[in-house]
């Protein structure tokens, strides 16, 4: 594992931990769960629990590292977790907004990698 990958892992974990500590719900039955898989480079902040008799379960933020780029698979934040990653030192051209279609990615200020298997960012 190279230095850049370790740096990105640490930044992602730090940003997701800050969100987990910041996110609060009026329902005490809803919890935030951090899941970090450094071996496979998957990072999630999940919400689980119950709200007014309804099951709550799903990703709040899901990020993968693929070929030296950060792939944001899901972003449930208002402002966008990508901006937090940029503020923490990750260049915009190393961040893929994977939850957007390729056409939409092309008009953002972030990377436009097409698919995981043909990622334009392989080392």
PDB file of N, CA and C in Angstrom:
ATOM      1  N   UNK A   1       0.848  -1.172   0.000  1.00  0.00           N
ATOM      2  CA  UNK A   1       0.000   0.000   0.000  1.00  0.00           C
ATOM      3  C   UNK A   1       0.896   1.238   0.000  1.00  0.00           C
ATOM      4  N   UNK A   2       0.597   2.176  -0.874  1.00  0.00           N
ATOM      5  CA  UNK A   2       1.453   3.347  -0.983  1.00  0.00           C
ATOM      6  C   UNK A   2       0.995   4.476  -0.047  1.00  0.00           C
ATOM      7  N   UNK A   3       1.825   5.486   0.032  1.00  0.00           N
ATOM      8  CA  UNK A   3       1.583   6.609   0.939  1.00  0.00           C
ATOM      9  C   UNK A   3       0.310   7.361   0.586  1.00  0.00           C
ATOM     10  N   UNK A   4       0.045   7.578  -0.707  1.00  0.00           N
ATOM     11  CA  UNK A   4      -1.155   8.298  -1.129  1.00  0.00           C
ATOM     12  C   UNK A   4      -2.414   7.571  -0.686  1.00  0.00           C
ATOM     13  N   UNK A   5      -2.436   6.255  -0.858  1.00  0.00           N
ATOM     14  CA  UNK A   5      -3.600   5.473  -0.453  1.00  0.00           C
ATOM     15  C   UNK A   5      -3.812   5.562   1.059  1.00  0.00           C
ATOM     16  N   UNK A   6      -2.746   5.450   1.833  1.00  0.00           N
ATOM     17  CA  UNK A   6      -2.853   5.564   3.294  1.00  0.00           C
ATOM     18  C   UNK A   6      -3.361   6.951   3.695  1.00  0.00           C
ATOM     19  N   UNK A   7      -2.872   7.972   3.009  1.00  0.00           N
ATOM     20  CA  UNK A   7      -3.311   9.338   3.297  1.00  0.00           C
ATOM     21  C   UNK A   7      -4.807   9.478   3.005  1.00  0.00           C
ATOM     22  N   UNK A   8      -5.244   8.964   1.862  1.00  0.00           N
ATOM     23  CA  UNK A   8      -6.664   9.053   1.510  1.00  0.00           C
ATOM     24  C   UNK A   8      -7.533   8.269   2.495  1.00  0.00           C
ATOM     25  N   UNK A   9      -7.060   7.099   2.908  1.00  0.00           N
ATOM     26  CA  UNK A   9      -7.810   6.324   3.891  1.00  0.00           C
ATOM     27  C   UNK A   9      -7.997   7.118   5.178  1.00  0.00           C
ATOM     28  N   UNK A  10      -6.935   7.724   5.649  1.00  0.00           N
ATOM     29  CA  UNK A  10      -7.005   8.496   6.894  1.00  0.00           C
ATOM     30  C   UNK A  10      -7.939   9.684   6.759  1.00  0.00           C
ATOM     31  N   UNK A  11      -7.875  10.377   5.626  1.00  0.00           N
ATOM     32  CA  UNK A  11      -8.751  11.536   5.415  1.00  0.00           C
ATOM     33  C   UNK A  11     -10.210  11.100   5.383  1.00  0.00           C
ATOM     34  N   UNK A  12     -10.512  10.060   4.627  1.00  0.00           N
ATOM     35  CA  UNK A  12     -11.895   9.573   4.530  1.00  0.00           C
ATOM     36  C   UNK A  12     -12.412   9.170   5.904  1.00  0.00           C
ATOM     37  N   UNK A  13     -11.626   8.406   6.643  1.00  0.00           N
ATOM     38  CA  UNK A  13     -12.047   7.969   7.971  1.00  0.00           C
ATOM     39  C   UNK A  13     -12.288   9.161   8.895  1.00  0.00           C
ATOM     40  N   UNK A  14     -11.434  10.152   8.823  1.00  0.00           N
ATOM     41  CA  UNK A  14     -11.584  11.342   9.655  1.00  0.00           C
ATOM     42  C   UNK A  14     -12.861  12.115   9.300  1.00  0.00           C
ATOM     43  N   UNK A  15     -13.086  12.314   8.004  1.00  0.00           N
ATOM     44  CA  UNK A  15     -14.282  13.045   7.562  1.00  0.00           C
ATOM     45  C   UNK A  15     -15.555  12.298   7.950  1.00  0.00           C
ATOM     46  N   UNK A  16     -15.587  10.980   7.736  1.00  0.00           N
ATOM     47  CA  UNK A  16     -16.787  10.212   8.090  1.00  0.00           C
ATOM     48  C   UNK A  16     -17.006  10.189   9.598  1.00  0.00           C
ATOM     49  N   UNK A  17     -15.936  10.131  10.369  1.00  0.00           N
ATOM     50  CA  UNK A  17     -16.058  10.168  11.829  1.00  0.00           C
ATOM     51  C   UNK A  17     -16.629  11.505  12.289  1.00  0.00           C
ATOM     52  N   UNK A  18     -16.180  12.585  11.667  1.00  0.00           N
ATOM     53  CA  UNK A  18     -16.736  13.904  12.000  1.00  0.00           C
ATOM     54  C   UNK A  18     -18.225  13.953  11.698  1.00  0.00           C
ATOM     55  N   UNK A  19     -18.633  13.418  10.544  1.00  0.00           N
ATOM     56  CA  UNK A  19     -20.061  13.387  10.215  1.00  0.00           C
ATOM     57  C   UNK A  19     -20.836  12.546  11.216  1.00  0.00           C
ATOM     58  N   UNK A  20     -20.294  11.394  11.597  1.00  0.00           N
ATOM     59  CA  UNK A  20     -20.981  10.525  12.562  1.00  0.00           C
ATOM     60  C   UNK A  20     -21.155  11.238  13.894  1.00  0.00           C
ATOM     61  N   UNK A  21     -20.165  12.002  14.302  1.00  0.00           N
ATOM     62  CA  UNK A  21     -20.260  12.732  15.564  1.00  0.00           C
ATOM     63  C   UNK A  21     -21.180  13.936  15.453  1.00  0.00           C
ATOM     64  N   UNK A  22     -21.299  14.502  14.263  1.00  0.00           N
ATOM     65  CA  UNK A  22     -22.100  15.701  14.046  1.00  0.00           C
ATOM     66  C   UNK A  22     -23.564  15.385  13.821  1.00  0.00           C
ATOM     67  N   UNK A  23     -23.815  14.313  13.061  1.00  0.00           N
ATOM     68  CA  UNK A  23     -25.187  13.956  12.708  1.00  0.00           C
ATOM     69  C   UNK A  23     -25.936  13.545  13.963  1.00  0.00           C
ATOM     70  N   UNK A  24     -27.002  14.225  14.193  1.00  0.00           N
ATOM     71  CA  UNK A  24     -27.854  13.842  15.326  1.00  0.00           C
ATOM     72  C   UNK A  24     -29.292  13.861  14.850  1.00  0.00           C
ATOM     73  N   UNK A  25     -30.059  12.955  15.370  1.00  0.00           N
ATOM     74  CA  UNK A  25     -31.467  12.891  15.002  1.00  0.00           C
ATOM     75  C   UNK A  25     -32.297  13.073  16.259  1.00  0.00           C
ATOM     76  N   UNK A  26     -33.503  13.589  16.093  1.00  0.00           N
ATOM     77  CA  UNK A  26     -34.378  13.729  17.261  1.00  0.00           C
ATOM     78  C   UNK A  26     -34.870  12.386  17.792  1.00  0.00           C
ATOM     79  N   UNK A  27     -34.670  11.349  17.031  1.00  0.00           N
ATOM     80  CA  UNK A  27     -35.099  10.009  17.423  1.00  0.00           C
ATOM     81  C   UNK A  27     -33.932   9.254  18.052  1.00  0.00           C
ATOM     82  N   UNK A  28     -34.008   8.941  19.331  1.00  0.00           N
ATOM     83  CA  UNK A  28     -32.900   8.237  19.976  1.00  0.00           C
ATOM     84  C   UNK A  28     -32.730   6.803  19.478  1.00  0.00           C
ATOM     85  N   UNK A  29     -33.722   6.287  18.754  1.00  0.00           N
ATOM     86  CA  UNK A  29     -33.634   4.919  18.250  1.00  0.00           C
ATOM     87  C   UNK A  29     -32.832   4.813  16.951  1.00  0.00           C
ATOM     88  N   UNK A  30     -32.340   5.942  16.424  1.00  0.00           N
ATOM     89  CA  UNK A  30     -31.552   5.921  15.190  1.00  0.00           C
ATOM     90  C   UNK A  30     -30.085   6.115  15.544  1.00  0.00           C
ATOM     91  N   UNK A  31     -29.261   5.191  15.067  1.00  0.00           N
ATOM     92  CA  UNK A  31     -27.826   5.252  15.328  1.00  0.00           C
ATOM     93  C   UNK A  31     -27.064   5.402  14.027  1.00  0.00           C
ATOM     94  N   UNK A  32     -25.880   5.966  14.140  1.00  0.00           N
ATOM     95  CA  UNK A  32     -24.954   6.044  13.022  1.00  0.00           C
ATOM     96  C   UNK A  32     -23.884   4.973  13.253  1.00  0.00           C
ATOM     97  N   UNK A  33     -23.560   4.239  12.196  1.00  0.00           N
ATOM     98  CA  UNK A  33     -22.545   3.196  12.273  1.00  0.00           C
ATOM     99  C   UNK A  33     -21.461   3.476  11.248  1.00  0.00           C
ATOM    100  N   UNK A  34     -20.233   3.492  11.706  1.00  0.00           N
ATOM    101  CA  UNK A  34     -19.088   3.660  10.817  1.00  0.00           C
ATOM    102  C   UNK A  34     -18.556   2.286  10.438  1.00  0.00           C
ATOM    103  N   UNK A  35     -18.332   2.068   9.154  1.00  0.00           N
ATOM    104  CA  UNK A  35     -17.783   0.809   8.677  1.00  0.00           C
ATOM    105  C   UNK A  35     -16.599   1.139   7.781  1.00  0.00           C
ATOM    106  N   UNK A  36     -15.406   0.729   8.220  1.00  0.00           N
ATOM    107  CA  UNK A  36     -14.175   0.986   7.478  1.00  0.00           C
ATOM    108  C   UNK A  36     -13.541  -0.345   7.094  1.00  0.00           C
ATOM    109  N   UNK A  37     -13.424  -0.616   5.811  1.00  0.00           N
ATOM    110  CA  UNK A  37     -12.762  -1.814   5.316  1.00  0.00           C
ATOM    111  C   UNK A  37     -11.517  -1.360   4.556  1.00  0.00           C
ATOM    112  N   UNK A  38     -10.415  -1.209   5.266  1.00  0.00           N
ATOM    113  CA  UNK A  38      -9.174  -0.722   4.657  1.00  0.00           C
ATOM    114  C   UNK A  38      -8.596  -1.710   3.651  1.00  0.00           C
ATOM    115  N   UNK A  39      -8.810  -3.002   3.850  1.00  0.00           N
ATOM    116  CA  UNK A  39      -8.272  -4.003   2.922  1.00  0.00           C
ATOM    117  C   UNK A  39      -8.902  -3.890   1.532  1.00  0.00           C
ATOM    118  N   UNK A  40     -10.181  -3.559   1.485  1.00  0.00           N
ATOM    119  CA  UNK A  40     -10.898  -3.465   0.208  1.00  0.00           C
ATOM    120  C   UNK A  40     -11.260  -2.022  -0.146  1.00  0.00           C
ATOM    121  N   UNK A  41     -10.875  -1.075   0.706  1.00  0.00           N
ATOM    122  CA  UNK A  41     -11.097   0.357   0.491  1.00  0.00           C
ATOM    123  C   UNK A  41     -12.571   0.732   0.326  1.00  0.00           C
ATOM    124  N   UNK A  42     -13.393   0.283   1.278  1.00  0.00           N
ATOM    125  CA  UNK A  42     -14.808   0.664   1.349  1.00  0.00           C
ATOM    126  C   UNK A  42     -15.024   1.387   2.680  1.00  0.00           C
ATOM    127  N   UNK A  43     -15.741   2.510   2.626  1.00  0.00           N
ATOM    128  CA  UNK A  43     -15.953   3.335   3.819  1.00  0.00           C
ATOM    129  C   UNK A  43     -17.401   3.785   3.832  1.00  0.00           C
ATOM    130  N   UNK A  44     -18.110   3.474   4.924  1.00  0.00           N
ATOM    131  CA  UNK A  44     -19.530   3.801   4.997  1.00  0.00           C
ATOM    132  C   UNK A  44     -19.903   4.431   6.328  1.00  0.00           C
ATOM    133  N   UNK A  45     -20.872   5.316   6.250  1.00  0.00           N
ATOM    134  CA  UNK A  45     -21.576   5.805   7.429  1.00  0.00           C
ATOM    135  C   UNK A  45     -23.030   5.410   7.210  1.00  0.00           C
ATOM    136  N   UNK A  46     -23.502   4.464   8.018  1.00  0.00           N
ATOM    137  CA  UNK A  46     -24.868   3.948   7.901  1.00  0.00           C
ATOM    138  C   UNK A  46     -25.752   4.542   8.978  1.00  0.00           C
ATOM    139  N   UNK A  47     -27.037   4.644   8.659  1.00  0.00           N
ATOM    140  CA  UNK A  47     -28.034   4.975   9.666  1.00  0.00           C
ATOM    141  C   UNK A  47     -28.908   3.744   9.868  1.00  0.00           C
ATOM    142  N   UNK A  48     -29.112   3.380  11.131  1.00  0.00           N
ATOM    143  CA  UNK A  48     -29.953   2.227  11.444  1.00  0.00           C
ATOM    144  C   UNK A  48     -30.858   2.561  12.605  1.00  0.00           C
ATOM    145  N   UNK A  49     -32.009   1.934  12.635  1.00  0.00           N
ATOM    146  CA  UNK A  49     -32.908   2.115  13.760  1.00  0.00           C
ATOM    147  C   UNK A  49     -34.357   2.224  13.316  1.00  0.00           C
ATOM    148  N   UNK A  50     -35.135   2.919  14.160  1.00  0.00           N
ATOM    149  CA  UNK A  50     -36.565   3.073  13.927  1.00  0.00           C
ATOM    150  C   UNK A  50     -36.960   4.527  14.104  1.00  0.00           C
ATOM    151  N   UNK A  51     -37.883   4.980  13.258  1.00  0.00           N
ATOM    152  CA  UNK A  51     -38.400   6.337  13.369  1.00  0.00           C
ATOM    153  C   UNK A  51     -39.910   6.280  13.155  1.00  0.00           C
ATOM    154  N   UNK A  52     -40.654   6.599  14.216  1.00  0.00           N
ATOM    155  CA  UNK A  52     -42.118   6.608  14.163  1.00  0.00           C
ATOM    156  C   UNK A  52     -42.681   5.310  13.593  1.00  0.00           C
ATOM    157  N   UNK A  53     -42.146   4.187  14.064  1.00  0.00           N
ATOM    158  CA  UNK A  53     -42.630   2.878  13.648  1.00  0.00           C
ATOM    159  C   UNK A  53     -42.123   2.408  12.298  1.00  0.00           C
ATOM    160  N   UNK A  54     -41.251   3.170  11.677  1.00  0.00           N
ATOM    161  CA  UNK A  54     -40.724   2.810  10.360  1.00  0.00           C
ATOM    162  C   UNK A  54     -39.244   2.474  10.464  1.00  0.00           C
ATOM    163  N   UNK A  55     -38.831   1.401   9.808  1.00  0.00           N
ATOM    164  CA  UNK A  55     -37.436   0.965   9.830  1.00  0.00           C
ATOM    165  C   UNK A  55     -36.570   1.939   9.028  1.00  0.00           C
ATOM    166  N   UNK A  56     -35.484   2.355   9.631  1.00  0.00           N
ATOM    167  CA  UNK A  56     -34.484   3.200   8.974  1.00  0.00           C
ATOM    168  C   UNK A  56     -33.227   2.351   8.822  1.00  0.00           C
ATOM    169  N   UNK A  57     -32.778   2.191   7.609  1.00  0.00           N
ATOM    170  CA  UNK A  57     -31.548   1.451   7.366  1.00  0.00           C
ATOM    171  C   UNK A  57     -31.011   1.854   6.003  1.00  0.00           C
ATOM    172  N   UNK A  58     -29.804   2.343   5.978  1.00  0.00           N
ATOM    173  CA  UNK A  58     -29.199   2.658   4.698  1.00  0.00           C
ATOM    174  C   UNK A  58     -27.981   3.536   4.839  1.00  0.00           C
ATOM    175  N   UNK A  59     -27.276   3.677   3.738  1.00  0.00           N
ATOM    176  CA  UNK A  59     -26.056   4.488   3.772  1.00  0.00           C
ATOM    177  C   UNK A  59     -26.383   5.975   3.826  1.00  0.00           C
ATOM    178  N   UNK A  60     -25.650   6.678   4.651  1.00  0.00           N
ATOM    179  CA  UNK A  60     -25.700   8.137   4.660  1.00  0.00           C
ATOM    180  C   UNK A  60     -24.578   8.637   3.751  1.00  0.00           C
ATOM    181  N   UNK A  61     -23.414   8.000   3.862  1.00  0.00           N
ATOM    182  CA  UNK A  61     -22.278   8.272   2.976  1.00  0.00           C
ATOM    183  C   UNK A  61     -21.602   6.937   2.673  1.00  0.00           C
ATOM    184  N   UNK A  62     -21.267   6.724   1.398  1.00  0.00           N
ATOM    185  CA  UNK A  62     -20.533   5.522   0.978  1.00  0.00           C
ATOM    186  C   UNK A  62     -19.421   5.978   0.039  1.00  0.00           C
ATOM    187  N   UNK A  63     -18.188   5.666   0.400  1.00  0.00           N
ATOM    188  CA  UNK A  63     -17.017   6.061  -0.380  1.00  0.00           C
ATOM    189  C   UNK A  63     -16.122   4.847  -0.598  1.00  0.00           C
ATOM    190  N   UNK A  64     -15.599   4.712  -1.815  1.00  0.00           N
ATOM    191  CA  UNK A  64     -14.616   3.683  -2.137  1.00  0.00           C
ATOM    192  C   UNK A  64     -13.362   4.362  -2.678  1.00  0.00           C
ATOM    193  N   UNK A  65     -12.219   3.699  -2.509  1.00  0.00           N
ATOM    194  CA  UNK A  65     -11.001   4.123  -3.186  1.00  0.00           C
ATOM    195  C   UNK A  65     -10.759   3.115  -4.295  1.00  0.00           C
ATOM    196  N   UNK A  66     -10.713   3.602  -5.522  1.00  0.00           N
ATOM    197  CA  UNK A  66     -10.512   2.743  -6.683  1.00  0.00           C
ATOM    198  C   UNK A  66      -9.440   3.396  -7.548  1.00  0.00           C
ATOM    199  N   UNK A  67      -8.332   2.687  -7.726  1.00  0.00           N
ATOM    200  CA  UNK A  67      -7.282   3.183  -8.604  1.00  0.00           C
ATOM    201  C   UNK A  67      -6.787   4.574  -8.272  1.00  0.00           C
ATOM    202  N   UNK A  68      -6.511   4.847  -7.021  1.00  0.00           N
ATOM    203  CA  UNK A  68      -6.004   6.137  -6.552  1.00  0.00           C
ATOM    204  C   UNK A  68      -6.985   7.286  -6.699  1.00  0.00           C
ATOM    205  N   UNK A  69      -8.259   6.976  -6.874  1.00  0.00           N
ATOM    206  CA  UNK A  69      -9.282   8.016  -6.869  1.00  0.00           C
ATOM    207  C   UNK A  69     -10.341   7.666  -5.837  1.00  0.00           C
ATOM    208  N   UNK A  70     -10.977   8.704  -5.351  1.00  0.00           N
ATOM    209  CA  UNK A  70     -12.041   8.567  -4.369  1.00  0.00           C
ATOM    210  C   UNK A  70     -13.363   8.524  -5.127  1.00  0.00           C
ATOM    211  N   UNK A  71     -14.116   7.446  -4.986  1.00  0.00           N
ATOM    212  CA  UNK A  71     -15.413   7.292  -5.640  1.00  0.00           C
ATOM    213  C   UNK A  71     -16.501   7.474  -4.581  1.00  0.00           C
ATOM    214  N   UNK A  72     -17.230   8.560  -4.660  1.00  0.00           N
ATOM    215  CA  UNK A  72     -18.343   8.786  -3.735  1.00  0.00           C
ATOM    216  C   UNK A  72     -19.568   8.092  -4.335  1.00  0.00           C
ATOM    217  N   UNK A  73     -19.919   6.957  -3.746  1.00  0.00           N
ATOM    218  CA  UNK A  73     -21.012   6.127  -4.258  1.00  0.00           C
ATOM    219  C   UNK A  73     -22.377   6.667  -3.832  1.00  0.00           C
ATOM    220  N   UNK A  74     -22.432   7.233  -2.625  1.00  0.00           N
ATOM    221  CA  UNK A  74     -23.683   7.810  -2.113  1.00  0.00           C
ATOM    222  C   UNK A  74     -23.329   8.965  -1.193  1.00  0.00           C
ATOM    223  N   UNK A  75     -24.078  10.047  -1.301  1.00  0.00           N
ATOM    224  CA  UNK A  75     -23.841  11.224  -0.463  1.00  0.00           C
ATOM    225  C   UNK A  75     -25.177  11.764   0.020  1.00  0.00           C
ATOM    226  N   UNK A  76     -25.461  11.546   1.295  1.00  0.00           N
ATOM    227  CA  UNK A  76     -26.709  12.012   1.877  1.00  0.00           C
ATOM    228  C   UNK A  76     -26.580  13.351   2.590  1.00  0.00           C
ATOM    229  N   UNK A  77     -25.462  14.039   2.393  1.00  0.00           N
ATOM    230  CA  UNK A  77     -25.248  15.320   3.056  1.00  0.00           C
ATOM    231  C   UNK A  77     -25.883  16.445   2.246  1.00  0.00           C
ATOM    232  N   UNK A  78     -26.107  17.567   2.900  1.00  0.00           N
ATOM    233  CA  UNK A  78     -26.680  18.713   2.199  1.00  0.00           C
ATOM    234  C   UNK A  78     -25.646  19.430   1.345  1.00  0.00           C
ATOM    235  N   UNK A  79     -24.468  19.640   1.887  1.00  0.00           N
ATOM    236  CA  UNK A  79     -23.438  20.416   1.199  1.00  0.00           C
ATOM    237  C   UNK A  79     -22.595  19.585   0.244  1.00  0.00           C
ATOM    238  N   UNK A  80     -22.447  18.324   0.525  1.00  0.00           N
ATOM    239  CA  UNK A  80     -21.625  17.454  -0.314  1.00  0.00           C
ATOM    240  C   UNK A  80     -20.327  17.084   0.379  1.00  0.00           C
ATOM    241  N   UNK A  81     -20.148  15.813   0.623  1.00  0.00           N
ATOM    242  CA  UNK A  81     -18.953  15.327   1.305  1.00  0.00           C
ATOM    243  C   UNK A  81     -17.704  15.575   0.462  1.00  0.00           C
ATOM    244  N   UNK A  82     -17.852  15.705  -0.855  1.00  0.00           N
ATOM    245  CA  UNK A  82     -16.697  15.964  -1.725  1.00  0.00           C
ATOM    246  C   UNK A  82     -15.971  17.238  -1.302  1.00  0.00           C
ATOM    247  N   UNK A  83     -16.714  18.251  -0.903  1.00  0.00           N
ATOM    248  CA  UNK A  83     -16.092  19.513  -0.496  1.00  0.00           C
ATOM    249  C   UNK A  83     -15.320  19.364   0.809  1.00  0.00           C
ATOM    250  N   UNK A  84     -15.776  18.493   1.681  1.00  0.00           N
ATOM    251  CA  UNK A  84     -15.035  18.201   2.915  1.00  0.00           C
ATOM    252  C   UNK A  84     -13.718  17.491   2.585  1.00  0.00           C
ATOM    253  N   UNK A  85     -13.766  16.583   1.613  1.00  0.00           N
ATOM    254  CA  UNK A  85     -12.559  15.872   1.206  1.00  0.00           C
ATOM    255  C   UNK A  85     -11.558  16.829   0.565  1.00  0.00           C
ATOM    256  N   UNK A  86     -12.041  17.764  -0.240  1.00  0.00           N
ATOM    257  CA  UNK A  86     -11.172  18.768  -0.854  1.00  0.00           C
ATOM    258  C   UNK A  86     -10.544  19.642   0.224  1.00  0.00           C
ATOM    259  N   UNK A  87     -11.347  20.069   1.189  1.00  0.00           N
ATOM    260  CA  UNK A  87     -10.828  20.902   2.280  1.00  0.00           C
ATOM    261  C   UNK A  87      -9.771  20.166   3.087  1.00  0.00           C
ATOM    262  N   UNK A  88      -9.862  18.830   3.114  1.00  0.00           N
ATOM    263  CA  UNK A  88      -8.892  18.023   3.854  1.00  0.00           C
ATOM    264  C   UNK A  88      -7.645  17.699   3.030  1.00  0.00           C
ATOM    265  N   UNK A  89      -7.605  18.144   1.768  1.00  0.00           N
ATOM    266  CA  UNK A  89      -6.388  17.985   0.988  1.00  0.00           C
ATOM    267  C   UNK A  89      -6.457  17.079  -0.229  1.00  0.00           C
ATOM    268  N   UNK A  90      -7.615  16.527  -0.552  1.00  0.00           N
ATOM    269  CA  UNK A  90      -7.723  15.667  -1.730  1.00  0.00           C
ATOM    270  C   UNK A  90      -8.072  16.536  -2.937  1.00  0.00           C
ATOM    271  N   UNK A  91      -7.278  16.449  -4.012  1.00  0.00           N
ATOM    272  CA  UNK A  91      -7.563  17.268  -5.200  1.00  0.00           C
ATOM    273  C   UNK A  91      -8.900  16.880  -5.844  1.00  0.00           C
ATOM    274  N   UNK A  92      -9.589  17.864  -6.407  1.00  0.00           N
ATOM    275  CA  UNK A  92     -10.880  17.607  -7.045  1.00  0.00           C
ATOM    276  C   UNK A  92     -10.784  16.581  -8.166  1.00  0.00           C
ATOM    277  N   UNK A  93      -9.653  16.566  -8.886  1.00  0.00           N
ATOM    278  CA  UNK A  93      -9.534  15.621  -9.988  1.00  0.00           C
ATOM    279  C   UNK A  93      -9.225  14.199  -9.515  1.00  0.00           C
ATOM    280  N   UNK A  94      -9.216  13.985  -8.194  1.00  0.00           N
ATOM    281  CA  UNK A  94      -9.071  12.646  -7.623  1.00  0.00           C
ATOM    282  C   UNK A  94     -10.374  12.187  -6.972  1.00  0.00           C
ATOM    283  N   UNK A  95     -11.449  12.940  -7.184  1.00  0.00           N
ATOM    284  CA  UNK A  95     -12.748  12.617  -6.588  1.00  0.00           C
ATOM    285  C   UNK A  95     -13.764  12.407  -7.707  1.00  0.00           C
ATOM    286  N   UNK A  96     -14.401  11.231  -7.715  1.00  0.00           N
ATOM    287  CA  UNK A  96     -15.426  10.897  -8.698  1.00  0.00           C
ATOM    288  C   UNK A  96     -16.779  10.909  -7.990  1.00  0.00           C
ATOM    289  N   UNK A  97     -17.717  11.660  -8.527  1.00  0.00           N
ATOM    290  CA  UNK A  97     -19.074  11.669  -7.984  1.00  0.00           C
ATOM    291  C   UNK A  97     -19.843  10.530  -8.652  1.00  0.00           C
ATOM    292  N   UNK A  98     -19.594   9.317  -8.177  1.00  0.00           N
ATOM    293  CA  UNK A  98     -20.110   8.111  -8.824  1.00  0.00           C
ATOM    294  C   UNK A  98     -21.636   8.037  -8.810  1.00  0.00           C
ATOM    295  N   UNK A  99     -22.282   8.750  -7.922  1.00  0.00           N
ATOM    296  CA  UNK A  99     -23.747   8.741  -7.855  1.00  0.00           C
ATOM    297  C   UNK A  99     -24.371   9.592  -8.959  1.00  0.00           C
ATOM    298  N   UNK A 100     -23.564  10.303  -9.713  1.00  0.00           N
ATOM    299  CA  UNK A 100     -24.050  11.092 -10.850  1.00  0.00           C
ATOM    300  C   UNK A 100     -23.778  10.322 -12.141  1.00  0.00           C
ATOM    301  N   UNK A 101     -24.616  10.506 -13.135  1.00  0.00           N
ATOM    302  CA  UNK A 101     -24.386   9.868 -14.439  1.00  0.00           C
ATOM    303  C   UNK A 101     -23.118  10.448 -15.069  1.00  0.00           C
ATOM    304  N   UNK A 102     -22.568   9.735 -16.011  1.00  0.00           N
ATOM    305  CA  UNK A 102     -21.347  10.201 -16.676  1.00  0.00           C
ATOM    306  C   UNK A 102     -21.572  11.559 -17.323  1.00  0.00           C
ATOM    307  N   UNK A 103     -22.730  11.757 -17.928  1.00  0.00           N
ATOM    308  CA  UNK A 103     -23.032  13.055 -18.542  1.00  0.00           C
ATOM    309  C   UNK A 103     -22.993  14.176 -17.512  1.00  0.00           C
ATOM    310  N   UNK A 104     -23.529  13.925 -16.337  1.00  0.00           N
ATOM    311  CA  UNK A 104     -23.537  14.951 -15.284  1.00  0.00           C
ATOM    312  C   UNK A 104     -22.149  15.162 -14.701  1.00  0.00           C
ATOM    313  N   UNK A 105     -21.365  14.081 -14.601  1.00  0.00           N
ATOM    314  CA  UNK A 105     -19.993  14.219 -14.079  1.00  0.00           C
ATOM    315  C   UNK A 105     -19.157  15.137 -14.951  1.00  0.00           C
ATOM    316  N   UNK A 106     -19.409  15.117 -16.245  1.00  0.00           N
ATOM    317  CA  UNK A 106     -18.615  15.913 -17.173  1.00  0.00           C
ATOM    318  C   UNK A 106     -18.786  17.413 -16.964  1.00  0.00           C
ATOM    319  N   UNK A 107     -19.861  17.822 -16.332  1.00  0.00           N
ATOM    320  CA  UNK A 107     -20.090  19.254 -16.108  1.00  0.00           C
ATOM    321  C   UNK A 107     -19.797  19.663 -14.660  1.00  0.00           C
ATOM    322  N   UNK A 108     -19.203  18.751 -13.901  1.00  0.00           N
ATOM    323  CA  UNK A 108     -18.797  19.105 -12.541  1.00  0.00           C
ATOM    324  C   UNK A 108     -17.323  19.475 -12.544  1.00  0.00           C
ATOM    325  N   UNK A 109     -16.876  19.955 -11.421  1.00  0.00           N
ATOM    326  CA  UNK A 109     -15.464  20.308 -11.277  1.00  0.00           C
ATOM    327  C   UNK A 109     -14.631  19.126 -10.781  1.00  0.00           C
ATOM    328  N   UNK A 110     -15.250  17.948 -10.724  1.00  0.00           N
ATOM    329  CA  UNK A 110     -14.584  16.751 -10.203  1.00  0.00           C
ATOM    330  C   UNK A 110     -14.231  15.790 -11.334  1.00  0.00           C
ATOM    331  N   UNK A 111     -13.581  14.673 -10.989  1.00  0.00           N
ATOM    332  CA  UNK A 111     -13.131  13.693 -11.981  1.00  0.00           C
ATOM    333  C   UNK A 111     -14.306  13.051 -12.706  1.00  0.00           C
ATOM    334  N   UNK A 112     -14.039  12.528 -13.919  1.00  0.00           N
ATOM    335  CA  UNK A 112     -15.095  11.977 -14.760  1.00  0.00           C
ATOM    336  C   UNK A 112     -14.901  10.498 -15.043  1.00  0.00           C
ATOM    337  N   UNK A 113     -14.162   9.754 -14.263  1.00  0.00           N
ATOM    338  CA  UNK A 113     -13.916   8.331 -14.541  1.00  0.00           C
ATOM    339  C   UNK A 113     -15.212   7.662 -14.962  1.00  0.00           C
ATOM    340  N   UNK A 114     -15.109   6.750 -15.936  1.00  0.00           N
ATOM    341  CA  UNK A 114     -16.306   6.188 -16.547  1.00  0.00           C
ATOM    342  C   UNK A 114     -16.836   4.968 -15.824  1.00  0.00           C
ATOM    343  N   UNK A 115     -16.013   3.964 -15.605  1.00  0.00           N
ATOM    344  CA  UNK A 115     -16.445   2.790 -14.867  1.00  0.00           C
ATOM    345  C   UNK A 115     -15.305   2.334 -13.978  1.00  0.00           C
ATOM    346  N   UNK A 116     -15.639   1.532 -13.027  1.00  0.00           N
ATOM    347  CA  UNK A 116     -14.612   1.013 -12.137  1.00  0.00           C
ATOM    348  C   UNK A 116     -13.582   0.195 -12.913  1.00  0.00           C
ATOM    349  N   UNK A 117     -14.049  -0.583 -13.869  1.00  0.00           N
ATOM    350  CA  UNK A 117     -13.127  -1.471 -14.581  1.00  0.00           C
ATOM    351  C   UNK A 117     -12.255  -0.732 -15.589  1.00  0.00           C
ATOM    352  N   UNK A 118     -12.717   0.412 -16.083  1.00  0.00           N
ATOM    353  CA  UNK A 118     -11.911   1.182 -17.036  1.00  0.00           C
ATOM    354  C   UNK A 118     -11.522   2.523 -16.449  1.00  0.00           C
ATOM    355  N   UNK A 119     -11.370   2.546 -15.157  1.00  0.00           N
ATOM    356  CA  UNK A 119     -11.000   3.773 -14.461  1.00  0.00           C
ATOM    357  C   UNK A 119      -9.772   4.400 -15.104  1.00  0.00           C
ATOM    358  N   UNK A 120      -9.845   5.702 -15.387  1.00  0.00           N
ATOM    359  CA  UNK A 120      -8.727   6.410 -16.011  1.00  0.00           C
ATOM    360  C   UNK A 120      -7.655   6.775 -15.012  1.00  0.00           C
ATOM    361  N   UNK A 121      -7.711   6.148 -13.837  1.00  0.00           N
ATOM    362  CA  UNK A 121      -6.815   6.556 -12.763  1.00  0.00           C
ATOM    363  C   UNK A 121      -5.944   5.418 -12.263  1.00  0.00           C
ATOM    364  N   UNK A 122      -5.853   4.333 -12.987  1.00  0.00           N
ATOM    365  CA  UNK A 122      -5.025   3.217 -12.532  1.00  0.00           C
ATOM    366  C   UNK A 122      -3.579   3.662 -12.374  1.00  0.00           C
ATOM    367  N   UNK A 123      -2.945   3.207 -11.291  1.00  0.00           N
ATOM    368  CA  UNK A 123      -1.564   3.625 -11.049  1.00  0.00           C
ATOM    369  C   UNK A 123      -0.608   3.103 -12.104  1.00  0.00           C
TER     370      UNK A 123
END
